[in-house]
Amino acid sequence: MNIPNELAAILLAMRSFPEGASLEELNNSLPSSIERRTLQRRLKKLKEDNLIYIEGGSRATRYFLKDIAATQSQIAIKEDLST
């Protein structure tokens, strides 16, 4: 599976976890398993792209899908205020 497909699969799997998911829960819900470290890198990329957010730390880390519509409207409002 290539990187864009892996990212899309992760985002799709995260929809099943409105209360957040652990790394293990996410990996188990993917159509094909990803190495733990690779999954961590993919989640880091999604966080950097502002598509997910993370709570907790170490073994208690939970990954949450951001409300993309709300994020996009916040960006639009900021752009309107700056012009």
Protein backbone atom coordinates (compact mmCIF):
# COMPACT_ATOMS: atom_id res chain seq x y z
CA MET A 1 0.00 0.00 0.00
CA ASN A 2 1.42 3.43 -0.87
CA ILE A 3 1.51 6.40 1.52
CA PRO A 4 -1.58 8.30 0.23
CA ASN A 5 -3.63 5.09 0.38
CA GLU A 6 -2.37 4.36 3.90
CA LEU A 7 -3.29 7.88 5.05
CA ALA A 8 -6.76 7.56 3.51
CA ALA A 9 -7.27 4.14 5.13
CA ILE A 10 -6.25 5.54 8.53
CA LEU A 11 -8.67 8.47 8.22
CA LEU A 12 -11.46 6.11 7.19
CA ALA A 13 -10.73 3.80 10.13
CA MET A 14 -10.72 6.75 12.54
CA ARG A 15 -14.36 7.48 11.68
CA SER A 16 -15.24 4.34 13.66
CA PHE A 17 -13.74 5.83 16.82
CA PRO A 18 -15.53 9.08 17.75
CA GLU A 19 -14.11 8.74 21.28
CA GLY A 20 -10.58 8.39 19.95
CA ALA A 21 -8.53 5.31 19.17
CA SER A 22 -5.33 3.82 20.43
CA LEU A 23 -2.55 2.85 18.07
CA GLU A 24 -3.49 -0.82 18.43
CA GLU A 25 -7.20 -0.18 17.81
CA LEU A 26 -6.39 1.75 14.66
CA ASN A 27 -4.01 -0.90 13.35
CA ASN A 28 -6.56 -3.65 14.00
CA SER A 29 -9.24 -1.74 12.09
CA LEU A 30 -7.11 -1.18 8.97
CA PRO A 31 -7.70 -3.42 5.93
CA SER A 32 -4.04 -4.45 5.99
CA SER A 33 -1.74 -4.21 8.97
CA ILE A 34 0.97 -1.53 9.05
CA GLU A 35 4.15 -1.77 11.09
CA ARG A 36 3.73 0.05 14.41
CA ARG A 37 6.46 2.62 13.70
CA THR A 38 5.11 3.28 10.19
CA LEU A 39 1.62 3.85 11.62
CA GLN A 40 3.11 6.31 14.12
CA ARG A 41 4.78 8.21 11.26
CA ARG A 42 1.53 8.29 9.26
CA LEU A 43 -0.36 9.61 12.30
CA LYS A 44 2.30 12.27 12.82
CA LYS A 45 1.84 13.36 9.19
CA LEU A 46 -1.95 13.57 9.63
CA LYS A 47 -1.43 15.67 12.76
CA GLU A 48 0.96 18.00 10.91
CA ASP A 49 -1.68 18.33 8.17
CA ASN A 50 -4.17 19.34 10.89
CA LEU A 51 -6.52 16.42 10.14
CA ILE A 52 -6.26 14.71 13.53
CA TYR A 53 -5.36 15.64 17.08
CA ILE A 54 -3.74 13.65 19.84
CA GLU A 55 -4.50 13.43 23.56
CA GLY A 56 -2.55 11.69 26.26
CA GLY A 57 0.91 10.32 26.06
CA SER A 58 2.92 7.15 26.04
CA ARG A 59 0.64 4.10 26.22
CA ALA A 60 -2.45 6.24 26.94
CA THR A 61 -2.23 8.18 23.66
CA ARG A 62 -5.56 8.53 21.82
CA TYR A 63 -5.94 9.75 18.24
CA PHE A 64 -9.00 11.77 17.24
CA LEU A 65 -10.34 12.83 13.87
CA LYS A 66 -10.77 16.59 13.63
CA ASP A 67 -14.01 18.13 12.42
CA ILE A 68 -12.71 19.16 9.01
CA ALA A 69 -15.70 21.39 8.20
CA ALA A 70 -15.14 23.39 11.38
CA THR A 71 -11.42 23.64 10.69
CA GLN A 72 -12.03 24.90 7.14
CA SER A 73 -14.51 27.54 8.34
CA GLN A 74 -12.03 28.75 10.97
CA ILE A 75 -9.41 29.15 8.25
CA ALA A 76 -11.88 31.05 6.04
CA ILE A 77 -12.82 33.39 8.90
CA LYS A 78 -9.15 34.12 9.65
CA GLU A 79 -8.51 34.87 5.97
CA ASP A 80 -11.51 37.24 5.86
CA LEU A 81 -10.32 39.07 8.97
CA SER A 82 -6.81 39.50 7.60
CA THR A 83 -7.99 41.18 4.37
